[in-house]
Amino acid sequence: MPLYRLAHSRTGDKGNRSNISVIAWHPDLWEVLVGGVTEAAVARHFAARRPKQVTRYLLPQLQAMNFVIDDVLDGGVNDALNLDSHGKALSFLLLGMAVQVPAALMNRLAGPAGE
């Protein structure tokens, strides 16, 4: 299931570091996010951008997590030669990551059931 069915995201960037928060659409999805959206999984998902380090901070009271991804913005917004190296574009990339969801939680997902 794509991550955007389980969570939404907020982002920021500073220099060559992206900060991506992932927030569960429903509290029942929190444990699925913790188990599936790990530092290693995010690093693999961004492998083409060659992040130097991925650090995850859990915020269980908010059913949210924050990822700090180093050296992933092609030198930073002002130094990059590509058209969009902002963190906001990277949150869209992260929300496309596949996550395993138990059948019992399918009714907690956001979006139409046919997606």
C-alpha atoms as a PDB file:
ATOM      1  CA  MET A   1       0.000   0.000   0.000  1.00  0.00           C
ATOM      2  CA  PRO A   2       1.457   3.450  -0.741  1.00  0.00           C
ATOM      3  CA  LEU A   3       2.395   5.379   2.385  1.00  0.00           C
ATOM      4  CA  TYR A   4       0.059   8.262   1.499  1.00  0.00           C
ATOM      5  CA  ARG A   5      -2.892   5.966   2.293  1.00  0.00           C
ATOM      6  CA  LEU A   6      -1.575   5.618   5.886  1.00  0.00           C
ATOM      7  CA  ALA A   7      -0.135   9.068   6.551  1.00  0.00           C
ATOM      8  CA  HIS A   8       0.398  12.629   5.424  1.00  0.00           C
ATOM      9  CA  SER A   9       3.579  14.645   5.552  1.00  0.00           C
ATOM     10  CA  ARG A  10       5.124  18.031   6.354  1.00  0.00           C
ATOM     11  CA  THR A  11       8.586  19.024   5.269  1.00  0.00           C
ATOM     12  CA  GLY A  12      11.350  21.534   5.517  1.00  0.00           C
ATOM     13  CA  ASP A  13      14.861  21.926   4.271  1.00  0.00           C
ATOM     14  CA  LYS A  14      17.980  23.753   5.338  1.00  0.00           C
ATOM     15  CA  GLY A  15      21.148  23.587   3.316  1.00  0.00           C
ATOM     16  CA  ASN A  16      21.658  20.023   2.147  1.00  0.00           C
ATOM     17  CA  ARG A  17      19.371  18.478   4.804  1.00  0.00           C
ATOM     18  CA  SER A  18      15.728  17.542   4.398  1.00  0.00           C
ATOM     19  CA  ASN A  19      13.373  17.198   7.337  1.00  0.00           C
ATOM     20  CA  ILE A  20      10.274  15.075   6.592  1.00  0.00           C
ATOM     21  CA  SER A  21       7.518  14.401   9.121  1.00  0.00           C
ATOM     22  CA  VAL A  22       5.138  11.474   8.593  1.00  0.00           C
ATOM     23  CA  ILE A  23       1.832  11.709  10.490  1.00  0.00           C
ATOM     24  CA  ALA A  24      -0.657   8.813  10.715  1.00  0.00           C
ATOM     25  CA  TRP A  25      -4.139   9.430   9.348  1.00  0.00           C
ATOM     26  CA  HIS A  26      -5.502   7.285  12.179  1.00  0.00           C
ATOM     27  CA  PRO A  27      -3.959   6.293  15.552  1.00  0.00           C
ATOM     28  CA  ASP A  28      -4.518   2.595  14.762  1.00  0.00           C
ATOM     29  CA  LEU A  29      -1.995   2.898  11.905  1.00  0.00           C
ATOM     30  CA  TRP A  30       0.831   4.090  14.183  1.00  0.00           C
ATOM     31  CA  GLU A  31       2.375   0.661  14.862  1.00  0.00           C
ATOM     32  CA  VAL A  32       2.309  -0.177  11.140  1.00  0.00           C
ATOM     33  CA  LEU A  33       4.203   3.053  10.427  1.00  0.00           C
ATOM     34  CA  VAL A  34       6.770   2.373  13.162  1.00  0.00           C
ATOM     35  CA  GLY A  35       7.419  -1.118  11.809  1.00  0.00           C
ATOM     36  CA  GLY A  36       7.415  -0.252   8.110  1.00  0.00           C
ATOM     37  CA  VAL A  37       8.798   3.267   7.782  1.00  0.00           C
ATOM     38  CA  THR A  38      12.209   2.700   9.321  1.00  0.00           C
ATOM     39  CA  GLU A  39      15.504   4.512   8.828  1.00  0.00           C
ATOM     40  CA  ALA A  40      16.728   1.637   6.647  1.00  0.00           C
ATOM     41  CA  ALA A  41      13.539   1.577   4.532  1.00  0.00           C
ATOM     42  CA  VAL A  42      13.681   5.335   3.963  1.00  0.00           C
ATOM     43  CA  ALA A  43      17.395   5.172   3.084  1.00  0.00           C
ATOM     44  CA  ARG A  44      16.612   2.433   0.517  1.00  0.00           C
ATOM     45  CA  HIS A  45      13.718   4.462  -0.866  1.00  0.00           C
ATOM     46  CA  PHE A  46      16.018   7.475  -1.369  1.00  0.00           C
ATOM     47  CA  ALA A  47      19.022   5.408  -2.542  1.00  0.00           C
ATOM     48  CA  ALA A  48      19.126   7.131  -5.951  1.00  0.00           C
ATOM     49  CA  ARG A  49      19.665  10.466  -4.164  1.00  0.00           C
ATOM     50  CA  ARG A  50      22.509   8.933  -2.100  1.00  0.00           C
ATOM     51  CA  PRO A  51      21.637  10.232   1.386  1.00  0.00           C
ATOM     52  CA  LYS A  52      24.595  10.292   3.757  1.00  0.00           C
ATOM     53  CA  GLN A  53      22.456   9.497   6.799  1.00  0.00           C
ATOM     54  CA  VAL A  54      18.793   8.997   7.707  1.00  0.00           C
ATOM     55  CA  THR A  55      17.747   9.586  11.318  1.00  0.00           C
ATOM     56  CA  ARG A  56      14.217   8.880  12.593  1.00  0.00           C
ATOM     57  CA  TYR A  57      12.649  10.520  15.638  1.00  0.00           C
ATOM     58  CA  LEU A  58       9.439   8.958  16.963  1.00  0.00           C
ATOM     59  CA  LEU A  59       6.636  11.106  18.397  1.00  0.00           C
ATOM     60  CA  PRO A  60       4.176   8.471  19.660  1.00  0.00           C
ATOM     61  CA  GLN A  61       1.794  10.895  21.397  1.00  0.00           C
ATOM     62  CA  LEU A  62       1.205  12.500  17.990  1.00  0.00           C
ATOM     63  CA  GLN A  63       1.335   9.222  16.021  1.00  0.00           C
ATOM     64  CA  ALA A  64       4.079  10.917  14.005  1.00  0.00           C
ATOM     65  CA  MET A  65       7.726  10.513  13.140  1.00  0.00           C
ATOM     66  CA  ASN A  66      10.316  12.908  11.840  1.00  0.00           C
ATOM     67  CA  PHE A  67      13.115  11.981   9.445  1.00  0.00           C
ATOM     68  CA  VAL A  68      16.262  14.033   9.058  1.00  0.00           C
ATOM     69  CA  ILE A  69      17.940  13.084   5.783  1.00  0.00           C
ATOM     70  CA  ASP A  70      21.466  14.424   5.264  1.00  0.00           C
ATOM     71  CA  ASP A  71      23.098  15.274   1.935  1.00  0.00           C
ATOM     72  CA  VAL A  72      19.981  14.568  -0.096  1.00  0.00           C
ATOM     73  CA  LEU A  73      19.283  17.978  -1.690  1.00  0.00           C
ATOM     74  CA  ASP A  74      22.062  18.099  -4.307  1.00  0.00           C
ATOM     75  CA  GLY A  75      24.009  20.639  -2.234  1.00  0.00           C
ATOM     76  CA  GLY A  76      20.946  22.567  -1.101  1.00  0.00           C
ATOM     77  CA  VAL A  77      18.224  24.592  -2.752  1.00  0.00           C
ATOM     78  CA  ASN A  78      20.549  27.461  -3.717  1.00  0.00           C
ATOM     79  CA  ASP A  79      23.378  25.205  -4.956  1.00  0.00           C
ATOM     80  CA  ALA A  80      21.452  22.503  -6.822  1.00  0.00           C
ATOM     81  CA  LEU A  81      21.361  22.446 -10.602  1.00  0.00           C
ATOM     82  CA  ASN A  82      18.113  20.486 -10.807  1.00  0.00           C
ATOM     83  CA  LEU A  83      14.737  22.232 -10.968  1.00  0.00           C
ATOM     84  CA  ASP A  84      13.315  21.159  -7.614  1.00  0.00           C
ATOM     85  CA  SER A  85      15.482  19.926  -4.784  1.00  0.00           C
ATOM     86  CA  HIS A  86      13.253  21.327  -2.046  1.00  0.00           C
ATOM     87  CA  GLY A  87      12.168  19.076   0.811  1.00  0.00           C
ATOM     88  CA  LYS A  88       8.536  19.358  -0.284  1.00  0.00           C
ATOM     89  CA  ALA A  89       9.266  17.403  -3.447  1.00  0.00           C
ATOM     90  CA  LEU A  90      10.989  14.728  -1.361  1.00  0.00           C
ATOM     91  CA  SER A  91       7.943  14.293   0.901  1.00  0.00           C
ATOM     92  CA  PHE A  92       5.926  13.415  -2.191  1.00  0.00           C
ATOM     93  CA  LEU A  93       8.599  10.861  -3.101  1.00  0.00           C
ATOM     94  CA  LEU A  94       8.498   9.362   0.420  1.00  0.00           C
ATOM     95  CA  LEU A  95       4.679   9.139   0.458  1.00  0.00           C
ATOM     96  CA  GLY A  96       4.915   6.831  -2.563  1.00  0.00           C
ATOM     97  CA  MET A  97       6.884   4.244  -0.563  1.00  0.00           C
ATOM     98  CA  ALA A  98       5.154   0.857  -0.221  1.00  0.00           C
ATOM     99  CA  VAL A  99       4.113  -0.254   3.288  1.00  0.00           C
ATOM    100  CA  GLN A 100       2.601  -3.601   4.341  1.00  0.00           C
ATOM    101  CA  VAL A 101      -0.813  -3.117   5.974  1.00  0.00           C
ATOM    102  CA  PRO A 102      -2.672  -5.871   7.851  1.00  0.00           C
ATOM    103  CA  ALA A 103      -6.105  -6.618   6.376  1.00  0.00           C
ATOM    104  CA  ALA A 104      -7.763  -5.722   9.694  1.00  0.00           C
ATOM    105  CA  LEU A 105      -6.603  -2.092   9.315  1.00  0.00           C
ATOM    106  CA  MET A 106      -7.678  -1.521   5.724  1.00  0.00           C
ATOM    107  CA  ASN A 107     -10.757   0.403   6.901  1.00  0.00           C
ATOM    108  CA  ARG A 108      -8.446   2.965   8.570  1.00  0.00           C
ATOM    109  CA  LEU A 109      -6.704   3.988   5.335  1.00  0.00           C
ATOM    110  CA  ALA A 110      -7.280   7.352   3.718  1.00  0.00           C
ATOM    111  CA  GLY A 111      -8.587   7.651   0.170  1.00  0.00           C
ATOM    112  CA  PRO A 112     -10.944   5.533  -1.899  1.00  0.00           C
ATOM    113  CA  ALA A 113     -10.863   1.781  -1.280  1.00  0.00           C
ATOM    114  CA  GLY A 114     -10.193   1.113  -4.964  1.00  0.00           C
ATOM    115  CA  GLU A 115      -6.775   2.840  -4.946  1.00  0.00           C
END
